[in-house]
PDB file of N, CA and C in Angstrom:
ATOM      1  N   UNK A   1       1.746   5.630  -4.906  1.00  0.00           N
ATOM      2  CA  UNK A   1       0.468   5.110  -5.361  1.00  0.00           C
ATOM      3  C   UNK A   1      -0.051   5.902  -6.552  1.00  0.00           C
ATOM      4  N   UNK A   2       0.262   7.190  -6.605  1.00  0.00           N
ATOM      5  CA  UNK A   2      -0.278   7.963  -7.721  1.00  0.00           C
ATOM      6  C   UNK A   2       0.353   7.549  -9.045  1.00  0.00           C
ATOM      7  N   UNK A   3       1.640   7.216  -9.046  1.00  0.00           N
ATOM      8  CA  UNK A   3       2.271   6.746 -10.285  1.00  0.00           C
ATOM      9  C   UNK A   3       1.723   5.374 -10.655  1.00  0.00           C
ATOM     10  N   UNK A   4       1.471   4.531  -9.667  1.00  0.00           N
ATOM     11  CA  UNK A   4       0.848   3.235  -9.952  1.00  0.00           C
ATOM     12  C   UNK A   4      -0.496   3.454 -10.644  1.00  0.00           C
ATOM     13  N   UNK A   5      -1.237   4.468 -10.231  1.00  0.00           N
ATOM     14  CA  UNK A   5      -2.525   4.779 -10.854  1.00  0.00           C
ATOM     15  C   UNK A   5      -2.330   5.160 -12.321  1.00  0.00           C
ATOM     16  N   UNK A   6      -1.259   5.892 -12.608  1.00  0.00           N
ATOM     17  CA  UNK A   6      -0.979   6.315 -13.983  1.00  0.00           C
ATOM     18  C   UNK A   6      -0.632   5.117 -14.867  1.00  0.00           C
ATOM     19  N   UNK A   7       0.231   4.222 -14.390  1.00  0.00           N
ATOM     20  CA  UNK A   7       0.731   3.134 -15.232  1.00  0.00           C
ATOM     21  C   UNK A   7      -0.115   1.863 -15.142  1.00  0.00           C
ATOM     22  N   UNK A   8      -1.031   1.802 -14.195  1.00  0.00           N
ATOM     23  CA  UNK A   8      -1.833   0.597 -14.005  1.00  0.00           C
ATOM     24  C   UNK A   8      -2.787   0.323 -15.153  1.00  0.00           C
ATOM     25  N   UNK A   9      -3.099  -0.935 -15.304  1.00  0.00           N
ATOM     26  CA  UNK A   9      -4.048  -1.390 -16.323  1.00  0.00           C
ATOM     27  C   UNK A   9      -5.183  -2.147 -15.625  1.00  0.00           C
ATOM     28  N   UNK A  10      -6.384  -2.156 -16.197  1.00  0.00           N
ATOM     29  CA  UNK A  10      -7.463  -2.929 -15.575  1.00  0.00           C
ATOM     30  C   UNK A  10      -7.028  -4.375 -15.328  1.00  0.00           C
ATOM     31  N   UNK A  11      -7.390  -4.897 -14.187  1.00  0.00           N
ATOM     32  CA  UNK A  11      -7.050  -6.254 -13.741  1.00  0.00           C
ATOM     33  C   UNK A  11      -5.563  -6.444 -13.456  1.00  0.00           C
ATOM     34  N   UNK A  12      -4.776  -5.376 -13.513  1.00  0.00           N
ATOM     35  CA  UNK A  12      -3.349  -5.447 -13.193  1.00  0.00           C
ATOM     36  C   UNK A  12      -2.887  -4.061 -12.750  1.00  0.00           C
ATOM     37  N   UNK A  13      -3.452  -3.573 -11.645  1.00  0.00           N
ATOM     38  CA  UNK A  13      -3.229  -2.192 -11.241  1.00  0.00           C
ATOM     39  C   UNK A  13      -1.848  -1.934 -10.681  1.00  0.00           C
ATOM     40  N   UNK A  14      -1.217  -2.904 -10.056  1.00  0.00           N
ATOM     41  CA  UNK A  14       0.029  -2.625  -9.340  1.00  0.00           C
ATOM     42  C   UNK A  14       1.207  -3.332  -9.984  1.00  0.00           C
ATOM     43  N   UNK A  15       2.083  -2.544 -10.616  1.00  0.00           N
ATOM     44  CA  UNK A  15       3.335  -3.097 -11.117  1.00  0.00           C
ATOM     45  C   UNK A  15       4.180  -3.495  -9.916  1.00  0.00           C
ATOM     46  N   UNK A  16       4.964  -4.537 -10.062  1.00  0.00           N
ATOM     47  CA  UNK A  16       5.826  -4.975  -8.954  1.00  0.00           C
ATOM     48  C   UNK A  16       6.855  -3.895  -8.616  1.00  0.00           C
ATOM     49  N   UNK A  17       7.523  -3.381  -9.614  1.00  0.00           N
ATOM     50  CA  UNK A  17       8.545  -2.356  -9.399  1.00  0.00           C
ATOM     51  C   UNK A  17       8.334  -1.223 -10.393  1.00  0.00           C
ATOM     52  N   UNK A  18       8.362  -0.001  -9.901  1.00  0.00           N
ATOM     53  CA  UNK A  18       8.300   1.152 -10.790  1.00  0.00           C
ATOM     54  C   UNK A  18       9.692   1.437 -11.341  1.00  0.00           C
ATOM     55  N   UNK A  19       9.729   1.957 -12.554  1.00  0.00           N
ATOM     56  CA  UNK A  19      11.000   2.309 -13.185  1.00  0.00           C
ATOM     57  C   UNK A  19      11.195   3.825 -13.148  1.00  0.00           C
ATOM     58  N   UNK A  20      12.404   4.266 -13.482  1.00  0.00           N
ATOM     59  CA  UNK A  20      12.649   5.708 -13.585  1.00  0.00           C
ATOM     60  C   UNK A  20      11.771   6.314 -14.672  1.00  0.00           C
ATOM     61  N   UNK A  21      11.522   5.548 -15.730  1.00  0.00           N
ATOM     62  CA  UNK A  21      10.648   6.031 -16.798  1.00  0.00           C
ATOM     63  C   UNK A  21       9.221   6.230 -16.276  1.00  0.00           C
ATOM     64  N   UNK A  22       8.761   5.314 -15.425  1.00  0.00           N
ATOM     65  CA  UNK A  22       7.429   5.460 -14.836  1.00  0.00           C
ATOM     66  C   UNK A  22       7.341   6.753 -14.028  1.00  0.00           C
ATOM     67  N   UNK A  23       8.387   7.037 -13.243  1.00  0.00           N
ATOM     68  CA  UNK A  23       8.382   8.220 -12.385  1.00  0.00           C
ATOM     69  C   UNK A  23       8.474   9.518 -13.177  1.00  0.00           C
ATOM     70  N   UNK A  24       8.857   9.432 -14.456  1.00  0.00           N
ATOM     71  CA  UNK A  24       8.988  10.618 -15.304  1.00  0.00           C
ATOM     72  C   UNK A  24       7.757  10.870 -16.166  1.00  0.00           C
ATOM     73  N   UNK A  25       6.749  10.012 -16.096  1.00  0.00           N
ATOM     74  CA  UNK A  25       5.542  10.187 -16.912  1.00  0.00           C
ATOM     75  C   UNK A  25       4.866  11.501 -16.529  1.00  0.00           C
ATOM     76  N   UNK A  26       4.607  12.327 -17.543  1.00  0.00           N
ATOM     77  CA  UNK A  26       3.977  13.619 -17.294  1.00  0.00           C
ATOM     78  C   UNK A  26       2.464  13.447 -17.238  1.00  0.00           C
ATOM     79  N   UNK A  27       1.971  13.290 -16.040  1.00  0.00           N
ATOM     80  CA  UNK A  27       0.538  13.135 -15.801  1.00  0.00           C
ATOM     81  C   UNK A  27       0.180  13.968 -14.579  1.00  0.00           C
ATOM     82  N   UNK A  28      -0.995  14.580 -14.555  1.00  0.00           N
ATOM     83  CA  UNK A  28      -1.389  15.327 -13.356  1.00  0.00           C
ATOM     84  C   UNK A  28      -1.510  14.426 -12.128  1.00  0.00           C
ATOM     85  N   UNK A  29      -1.576  13.121 -12.335  1.00  0.00           N
ATOM     86  CA  UNK A  29      -1.637  12.171 -11.222  1.00  0.00           C
ATOM     87  C   UNK A  29      -0.250  11.785 -10.702  1.00  0.00           C
ATOM     88  N   UNK A  30       0.805  12.181 -11.402  1.00  0.00           N
ATOM     89  CA  UNK A  30       2.164  11.858 -10.976  1.00  0.00           C
ATOM     90  C   UNK A  30       2.629  12.915  -9.978  1.00  0.00           C
ATOM     91  N   UNK A  31       2.501  12.612  -8.693  1.00  0.00           N
ATOM     92  CA  UNK A  31       2.863  13.585  -7.662  1.00  0.00           C
ATOM     93  C   UNK A  31       4.372  13.669  -7.447  1.00  0.00           C
ATOM     94  N   UNK A  32       5.156  12.866  -8.160  1.00  0.00           N
ATOM     95  CA  UNK A  32       6.602  13.075  -8.172  1.00  0.00           C
ATOM     96  C   UNK A  32       6.924  14.338  -8.972  1.00  0.00           C
ATOM     97  N   UNK A  33       6.131  14.602 -10.009  1.00  0.00           N
ATOM     98  CA  UNK A  33       6.358  15.772 -10.854  1.00  0.00           C
ATOM     99  C   UNK A  33       5.454  16.937 -10.501  1.00  0.00           C
ATOM    100  N   UNK A  34       4.275  16.659  -9.995  1.00  0.00           N
ATOM    101  CA  UNK A  34       3.286  17.694  -9.705  1.00  0.00           C
ATOM    102  C   UNK A  34       2.947  17.665  -8.215  1.00  0.00           C
ATOM    103  N   UNK A  35       3.466  18.632  -7.458  1.00  0.00           N
ATOM    104  CA  UNK A  35       3.221  18.609  -6.010  1.00  0.00           C
ATOM    105  C   UNK A  35       1.745  18.803  -5.673  1.00  0.00           C
ATOM    106  N   UNK A  36       1.388  18.353  -4.503  1.00  0.00           N
ATOM    107  CA  UNK A  36       0.013  18.491  -4.042  1.00  0.00           C
ATOM    108  C   UNK A  36      -0.798  17.248  -4.339  1.00  0.00           C
ATOM    109  N   UNK A  37      -2.091  17.402  -4.209  1.00  0.00           N
ATOM    110  CA  UNK A  37      -2.998  16.276  -4.435  1.00  0.00           C
ATOM    111  C   UNK A  37      -3.271  16.076  -5.915  1.00  0.00           C
ATOM    112  N   UNK A  38      -3.557  14.840  -6.343  1.00  0.00           N
ATOM    113  CA  UNK A  38      -3.964  14.628  -7.732  1.00  0.00           C
ATOM    114  C   UNK A  38      -5.311  15.308  -7.977  1.00  0.00           C
ATOM    115  N   UNK A  39      -5.684  15.503  -9.247  1.00  0.00           N
ATOM    116  CA  UNK A  39      -6.902  16.261  -9.553  1.00  0.00           C
ATOM    117  C   UNK A  39      -8.197  15.584  -9.103  1.00  0.00           C
ATOM    118  N   UNK A  40      -8.193  14.287  -8.955  1.00  0.00           N
ATOM    119  CA  UNK A  40      -9.382  13.546  -8.521  1.00  0.00           C
ATOM    120  C   UNK A  40      -8.934  12.400  -7.632  1.00  0.00           C
ATOM    121  N   UNK A  41      -9.865  11.830  -6.864  1.00  0.00           N
ATOM    122  CA  UNK A  41      -9.498  10.658  -6.058  1.00  0.00           C
ATOM    123  C   UNK A  41      -8.989   9.529  -6.952  1.00  0.00           C
ATOM    124  N   UNK A  42      -8.063   8.737  -6.423  1.00  0.00           N
ATOM    125  CA  UNK A  42      -7.521   7.627  -7.201  1.00  0.00           C
ATOM    126  C   UNK A  42      -7.986   6.275  -6.680  1.00  0.00           C
ATOM    127  N   UNK A  43      -8.683   6.262  -5.564  1.00  0.00           N
ATOM    128  CA  UNK A  43      -9.143   4.982  -5.025  1.00  0.00           C
ATOM    129  C   UNK A  43     -10.257   5.220  -4.015  1.00  0.00           C
ATOM    130  N   UNK A  44     -11.062   4.225  -3.840  1.00  0.00           N
ATOM    131  CA  UNK A  44     -12.089   4.227  -2.806  1.00  0.00           C
ATOM    132  C   UNK A  44     -12.023   2.901  -2.078  1.00  0.00           C
ATOM    133  N   UNK A  45     -12.178   2.925  -0.763  1.00  0.00           N
ATOM    134  CA  UNK A  45     -12.198   1.651  -0.045  1.00  0.00           C
ATOM    135  C   UNK A  45     -13.482   0.893  -0.354  1.00  0.00           C
ATOM    136  N   UNK A  46     -13.413  -0.409  -0.280  1.00  0.00           N
ATOM    137  CA  UNK A  46     -14.603  -1.224  -0.457  1.00  0.00           C
ATOM    138  C   UNK A  46     -15.445  -1.231   0.811  1.00  0.00           C
ATOM    139  N   UNK A  47     -16.634  -1.782   0.712  1.00  0.00           N
ATOM    140  CA  UNK A  47     -17.554  -1.834   1.846  1.00  0.00           C
ATOM    141  C   UNK A  47     -16.938  -2.575   3.029  1.00  0.00           C
ATOM    142  N   UNK A  48     -16.249  -3.677   2.772  1.00  0.00           N
ATOM    143  CA  UNK A  48     -15.645  -4.448   3.866  1.00  0.00           C
ATOM    144  C   UNK A  48     -14.612  -3.609   4.617  1.00  0.00           C
ATOM    145  N   UNK A  49     -13.834  -2.801   3.908  1.00  0.00           N
ATOM    146  CA  UNK A  49     -12.839  -1.948   4.564  1.00  0.00           C
ATOM    147  C   UNK A  49     -13.512  -0.877   5.410  1.00  0.00           C
ATOM    148  N   UNK A  50     -14.577  -0.293   4.902  1.00  0.00           N
ATOM    149  CA  UNK A  50     -15.312   0.707   5.676  1.00  0.00           C
ATOM    150  C   UNK A  50     -15.915   0.095   6.933  1.00  0.00           C
ATOM    151  N   UNK A  51     -16.499  -1.089   6.791  1.00  0.00           N
ATOM    152  CA  UNK A  51     -17.083  -1.763   7.954  1.00  0.00           C
ATOM    153  C   UNK A  51     -16.009  -2.129   8.973  1.00  0.00           C
ATOM    154  N   UNK A  52     -14.851  -2.558   8.518  1.00  0.00           N
ATOM    155  CA  UNK A  52     -13.760  -2.906   9.428  1.00  0.00           C
ATOM    156  C   UNK A  52     -13.244  -1.669  10.163  1.00  0.00           C
ATOM    157  N   UNK A  53     -13.233  -0.525   9.499  1.00  0.00           N
ATOM    158  CA  UNK A  53     -12.784   0.707  10.152  1.00  0.00           C
ATOM    159  C   UNK A  53     -13.762   1.147  11.236  1.00  0.00           C
ATOM    160  N   UNK A  54     -15.041   0.952  10.987  1.00  0.00           N
ATOM    161  CA  UNK A  54     -16.066   1.342  11.963  1.00  0.00           C
ATOM    162  C   UNK A  54     -16.153   0.336  13.108  1.00  0.00           C
ATOM    163  N   UNK A  55     -15.954  -0.934  12.805  1.00  0.00           N
ATOM    164  CA  UNK A  55     -16.046  -2.003  13.805  1.00  0.00           C
ATOM    165  C   UNK A  55     -14.785  -2.862  13.767  1.00  0.00           C
ATOM    166  N   UNK A  56     -13.652  -2.327  14.224  1.00  0.00           N
ATOM    167  CA  UNK A  56     -12.400  -3.093  14.132  1.00  0.00           C
ATOM    168  C   UNK A  56     -12.401  -4.305  15.050  1.00  0.00           C
ATOM    169  N   UNK A  57     -11.643  -5.327  14.643  1.00  0.00           N
ATOM    170  CA  UNK A  57     -11.432  -6.486  15.510  1.00  0.00           C
ATOM    171  C   UNK A  57     -10.706  -6.032  16.768  1.00  0.00           C
ATOM    172  N   UNK A  58     -11.054  -6.625  17.886  1.00  0.00           N
ATOM    173  CA  UNK A  58     -10.364  -6.333  19.142  1.00  0.00           C
ATOM    174  C   UNK A  58      -9.184  -7.286  19.273  1.00  0.00           C
ATOM    175  N   UNK A  59      -7.972  -6.749  19.125  1.00  0.00           N
ATOM    176  CA  UNK A  59      -6.747  -7.551  19.226  1.00  0.00           C
ATOM    177  C   UNK A  59      -5.716  -6.776  20.034  1.00  0.00           C
ATOM    178  N   UNK A  60      -4.630  -7.428  20.337  1.00  0.00           N
ATOM    179  CA  UNK A  60      -3.502  -6.774  20.998  1.00  0.00           C
ATOM    180  C   UNK A  60      -2.390  -6.427  20.016  1.00  0.00           C
ATOM    181  N   UNK A  61      -2.653  -6.610  18.722  1.00  0.00           N
ATOM    182  CA  UNK A  61      -1.618  -6.356  17.723  1.00  0.00           C
ATOM    183  C   UNK A  61      -1.347  -4.864  17.580  1.00  0.00           C
ATOM    184  N   UNK A  62      -0.071  -4.512  17.573  1.00  0.00           N
ATOM    185  CA  UNK A  62       0.345  -3.132  17.362  1.00  0.00           C
ATOM    186  C   UNK A  62       1.135  -2.960  16.073  1.00  0.00           C
ATOM    187  N   UNK A  63       1.640  -4.060  15.513  1.00  0.00           N
ATOM    188  CA  UNK A  63       2.519  -4.006  14.350  1.00  0.00           C
ATOM    189  C   UNK A  63       2.082  -5.030  13.306  1.00  0.00           C
ATOM    190  N   UNK A  64       2.391  -4.718  12.057  1.00  0.00           N
ATOM    191  CA  UNK A  64       2.232  -5.719  11.005  1.00  0.00           C
ATOM    192  C   UNK A  64       3.278  -5.483   9.930  1.00  0.00           C
ATOM    193  N   UNK A  65       3.584  -6.532   9.216  1.00  0.00           N
ATOM    194  CA  UNK A  65       4.475  -6.450   8.066  1.00  0.00           C
ATOM    195  C   UNK A  65       3.899  -7.369   6.994  1.00  0.00           C
ATOM    196  N   UNK A  66       3.964  -6.926   5.739  1.00  0.00           N
ATOM    197  CA  UNK A  66       3.466  -7.731   4.622  1.00  0.00           C
ATOM    198  C   UNK A  66       4.633  -8.418   3.942  1.00  0.00           C
ATOM    199  N   UNK A  67       4.494  -9.723   3.696  1.00  0.00           N
ATOM    200  CA  UNK A  67       5.560 -10.446   3.005  1.00  0.00           C
ATOM    201  C   UNK A  67       5.416 -10.263   1.498  1.00  0.00           C
ATOM    202  N   UNK A  68       6.306 -10.868   0.737  1.00  0.00           N
ATOM    203  CA  UNK A  68       6.324 -10.669  -0.718  1.00  0.00           C
ATOM    204  C   UNK A  68       5.097 -11.228  -1.422  1.00  0.00           C
ATOM    205  N   UNK A  69       4.351 -12.112  -0.757  1.00  0.00           N
ATOM    206  CA  UNK A  69       3.126 -12.634  -1.367  1.00  0.00           C
ATOM    207  C   UNK A  69       1.907 -11.796  -0.995  1.00  0.00           C
ATOM    208  N   UNK A  70       2.105 -10.789  -0.126  1.00  0.00           N
ATOM    209  CA  UNK A  70       1.003  -9.929   0.284  1.00  0.00           C
ATOM    210  C   UNK A  70       0.328 -10.351   1.574  1.00  0.00           C
ATOM    211  N   UNK A  71       0.814 -11.433   2.194  1.00  0.00           N
ATOM    212  CA  UNK A  71       0.239 -11.899   3.457  1.00  0.00           C
ATOM    213  C   UNK A  71       0.755 -11.027   4.598  1.00  0.00           C
ATOM    214  N   UNK A  72      -0.119 -10.645   5.521  1.00  0.00           N
ATOM    215  CA  UNK A  72       0.262  -9.823   6.667  1.00  0.00           C
ATOM    216  C   UNK A  72       0.602 -10.690   7.866  1.00  0.00           C
ATOM    217  N   UNK A  73       1.685 -10.317   8.552  1.00  0.00           N
ATOM    218  CA  UNK A  73       2.122 -10.993   9.774  1.00  0.00           C
ATOM    219  C   UNK A  73       2.068  -9.962  10.897  1.00  0.00           C
ATOM    220  N   UNK A  74       1.358 -10.293  11.961  1.00  0.00           N
ATOM    221  CA  UNK A  74       1.084  -9.346  13.041  1.00  0.00           C
ATOM    222  C   UNK A  74       1.919  -9.656  14.274  1.00  0.00           C
ATOM    223  N   UNK A  75       2.166  -8.607  15.072  1.00  0.00           N
ATOM    224  CA  UNK A  75       2.920  -8.767  16.316  1.00  0.00           C
ATOM    225  C   UNK A  75       2.341  -7.840  17.377  1.00  0.00           C
ATOM    226  N   UNK A  76       2.425  -8.298  18.619  1.00  0.00           N
ATOM    227  CA  UNK A  76       1.920  -7.511  19.740  1.00  0.00           C
ATOM    228  C   UNK A  76       2.963  -6.554  20.300  1.00  0.00           C
ATOM    229  N   UNK A  77       4.241  -6.792  20.000  1.00  0.00           N
ATOM    230  CA  UNK A  77       5.293  -5.932  20.546  1.00  0.00           C
ATOM    231  C   UNK A  77       6.406  -5.758  19.516  1.00  0.00           C
ATOM    232  N   UNK A  78       7.320  -4.838  19.824  1.00  0.00           N
ATOM    233  CA  UNK A  78       8.394  -4.523  18.883  1.00  0.00           C
ATOM    234  C   UNK A  78       9.296  -5.722  18.624  1.00  0.00           C
ATOM    235  N   UNK A  79       9.559  -6.520  19.650  1.00  0.00           N
ATOM    236  CA  UNK A  79      10.414  -7.699  19.460  1.00  0.00           C
ATOM    237  C   UNK A  79       9.780  -8.669  18.466  1.00  0.00           C
ATOM    238  N   UNK A  80       8.494  -8.901  18.587  1.00  0.00           N
ATOM    239  CA  UNK A  80       7.794  -9.771  17.643  1.00  0.00           C
ATOM    240  C   UNK A  80       7.790  -9.194  16.243  1.00  0.00           C
ATOM    241  N   UNK A  81       7.624  -7.888  16.144  1.00  0.00           N
ATOM    242  CA  UNK A  81       7.644  -7.212  14.848  1.00  0.00           C
ATOM    243  C   UNK A  81       9.012  -7.364  14.188  1.00  0.00           C
ATOM    244  N   UNK A  82      10.073  -7.156  14.970  1.00  0.00           N
ATOM    245  CA  UNK A  82      11.422  -7.298  14.424  1.00  0.00           C
ATOM    246  C   UNK A  82      11.696  -8.737  14.001  1.00  0.00           C
ATOM    247  N   UNK A  83      11.155  -9.704  14.740  1.00  0.00           N
ATOM    248  CA  UNK A  83      11.303 -11.109  14.349  1.00  0.00           C
ATOM    249  C   UNK A  83      10.576 -11.369  13.033  1.00  0.00           C
ATOM    250  N   UNK A  84       9.385 -10.794  12.859  1.00  0.00           N
ATOM    251  CA  UNK A  84       8.646 -10.954  11.604  1.00  0.00           C
ATOM    252  C   UNK A  84       9.408 -10.330  10.441  1.00  0.00           C
ATOM    253  N   UNK A  85       9.990  -9.172  10.661  1.00  0.00           N
ATOM    254  CA  UNK A  85      10.790  -8.530   9.611  1.00  0.00           C
ATOM    255  C   UNK A  85      11.958  -9.430   9.222  1.00  0.00           C
ATOM    256  N   UNK A  86      12.664  -9.952  10.215  1.00  0.00           N
ATOM    257  CA  UNK A  86      13.813 -10.822   9.942  1.00  0.00           C
ATOM    258  C   UNK A  86      13.391 -12.074   9.184  1.00  0.00           C
ATOM    259  N   UNK A  87      12.235 -12.612   9.522  1.00  0.00           N
ATOM    260  CA  UNK A  87      11.791 -13.853   8.891  1.00  0.00           C
ATOM    261  C   UNK A  87      11.194 -13.634   7.508  1.00  0.00           C
ATOM    262  N   UNK A  88      10.414 -12.584   7.325  1.00  0.00           N
ATOM    263  CA  UNK A  88       9.629 -12.454   6.099  1.00  0.00           C
ATOM    264  C   UNK A  88      10.154 -11.428   5.097  1.00  0.00           C
ATOM    265  N   UNK A  89      11.069 -10.561   5.517  1.00  0.00           N
ATOM    266  CA  UNK A  89      11.548  -9.532   4.590  1.00  0.00           C
ATOM    267  C   UNK A  89      13.029  -9.635   4.274  1.00  0.00           C
ATOM    268  N   UNK A  90      13.704 -10.650   4.773  1.00  0.00           N
ATOM    269  CA  UNK A  90      15.140 -10.779   4.520  1.00  0.00           C
ATOM    270  C   UNK A  90      15.393 -11.766   3.405  1.00  0.00           C
TER     271      UNK A  90
END
């Protein structure tokens, strides 16, 4: 995520794939080159995320996987999770 912060542009923060050149960028935010924490925070959760953390939905889901479009698929057990992986990540 720290390299994504370095190479990101407004309205297009996340490159699909990082390159070796991206990982070699000399920036204090590049934790591939500079161990430890970056010099400043790189992100803040939005209000909805904070509210969800304080008041989470009550579900039986233990697993999730995100497909290539960014949609999350949830499962209550390992077998369901493995089925989601087979269906959405293969």
